Amino acid sequence: MWEAITEFFTTQVSSVMALVLLAALALVIGAVVLYRRTGEAKQPILMVVLALIAVANVLILTIPTADGTAPIDQAAIDQTEATETR
């Protein structure tokens, strides 16, 4: 089961990250619209915080580490090595 999950994640990672970034953009736009309509600040602030967390998660996976490889690239390499050893 974990093999299928990791294989899906490594093969579809660009699509997943694009969807996460689009969701973050939608959250920010929704927060602005909600704030303008209601004037309430709590929910729009929480929406913006959630969008920031989503963007931070994408950045964590894509920014290279000190050795020059991004964590998502390392996951793809590990997956390739795991399938070759079978």
Protein backbone atom coordinates (compact mmCIF):
# COMPACT_ATOMS: atom_id res chain seq x y z
CA MET A 1 0.00 0.00 0.00
CA TRP A 2 2.77 2.46 0.90
CA GLU A 3 4.53 1.67 -2.35
CA ALA A 4 1.45 2.67 -4.33
CA ILE A 5 1.11 5.89 -2.34
CA THR A 6 4.75 6.87 -2.79
CA GLU A 7 4.67 5.96 -6.47
CA PHE A 8 1.58 8.12 -6.99
CA PHE A 9 3.11 10.99 -5.06
CA THR A 10 6.39 10.95 -6.92
CA THR A 11 4.79 10.62 -10.36
CA GLN A 12 2.05 13.18 -9.80
CA VAL A 13 3.93 15.62 -7.59
CA SER A 14 3.90 18.56 -9.99
CA SER A 15 0.13 18.28 -10.38
CA VAL A 16 -0.39 18.01 -6.64
CA MET A 17 1.80 21.03 -5.95
CA ALA A 18 0.04 23.05 -8.62
CA LEU A 19 -3.32 22.21 -7.05
CA VAL A 20 -2.05 23.19 -3.61
CA LEU A 21 -0.84 26.54 -4.92
CA LEU A 22 -4.14 27.13 -6.72
CA ALA A 23 -6.00 26.30 -3.51
CA ALA A 24 -3.81 28.77 -1.62
CA LEU A 25 -4.60 31.45 -4.19
CA ALA A 26 -8.32 30.66 -3.91
CA LEU A 27 -8.08 30.92 -0.12
CA VAL A 28 -6.50 34.37 -0.30
CA ILE A 29 -9.07 35.60 -2.83
CA GLY A 30 -11.86 34.12 -0.73
CA ALA A 31 -10.49 35.79 2.38
CA VAL A 32 -10.49 39.18 0.69
CA VAL A 33 -14.04 38.70 -0.58
CA LEU A 34 -15.26 37.48 2.81
CA TYR A 35 -13.64 40.40 4.61
CA ARG A 36 -15.18 42.93 2.22
CA ARG A 37 -18.65 41.40 2.49
CA THR A 38 -18.86 40.84 6.23
CA GLY A 39 -16.15 42.99 7.77
CA GLU A 40 -15.37 40.10 10.10
CA ALA A 41 -11.64 39.50 10.45
CA LYS A 42 -11.27 36.14 12.22
CA GLN A 43 -12.17 33.76 9.39
CA PRO A 44 -10.33 35.68 6.63
CA ILE A 45 -7.19 35.78 8.77
CA LEU A 46 -7.43 32.03 9.32
CA MET A 47 -7.87 31.51 5.58
CA VAL A 48 -4.73 33.53 4.85
CA VAL A 49 -2.80 31.60 7.52
CA LEU A 50 -3.89 28.32 5.91
CA ALA A 51 -2.78 29.61 2.50
CA LEU A 52 0.63 30.54 3.94
CA ILE A 53 0.99 27.08 5.47
CA ALA A 54 0.13 25.44 2.14
CA VAL A 55 2.70 27.55 0.29
CA ALA A 56 5.30 26.83 2.98
CA ASN A 57 4.71 23.09 2.54
CA VAL A 58 5.30 23.36 -1.20
CA LEU A 59 8.46 25.38 -0.58
CA ILE A 60 9.74 22.80 1.91
CA LEU A 61 9.50 20.14 -0.78
CA THR A 62 11.00 22.18 -3.60
CA ILE A 63 13.81 24.29 -2.11
CA PRO A 64 17.14 22.48 -2.43
CA THR A 65 19.05 21.49 0.69
CA ALA A 66 22.76 22.09 1.32
CA ASP A 67 23.77 19.19 -0.92
CA GLY A 68 21.82 20.65 -3.85
CA THR A 69 18.92 18.21 -4.09
CA ALA A 70 15.36 19.08 -3.26
CA PRO A 71 13.51 16.69 -0.95
CA ILE A 72 11.02 15.83 -3.68
CA ASP A 73 13.86 14.96 -6.06
CA GLN A 74 15.41 12.75 -3.39
CA ALA A 75 12.06 10.97 -2.96
CA ALA A 76 11.93 10.28 -6.69
CA ILE A 77 15.49 8.92 -6.61
CA ASP A 78 14.67 6.70 -3.63
CA GLN A 79 11.56 5.40 -5.39
CA THR A 80 13.56 4.59 -8.51
CA GLU A 81 16.18 2.76 -6.48
CA ALA A 82 13.50 0.81 -4.61
CA THR A 83 11.87 -0.39 -7.83
CA GLU A 84 15.23 -1.39 -9.32
CA THR A 85 16.13 -3.58 -6.34
CA ARG A 86 12.97 -5.69 -6.68
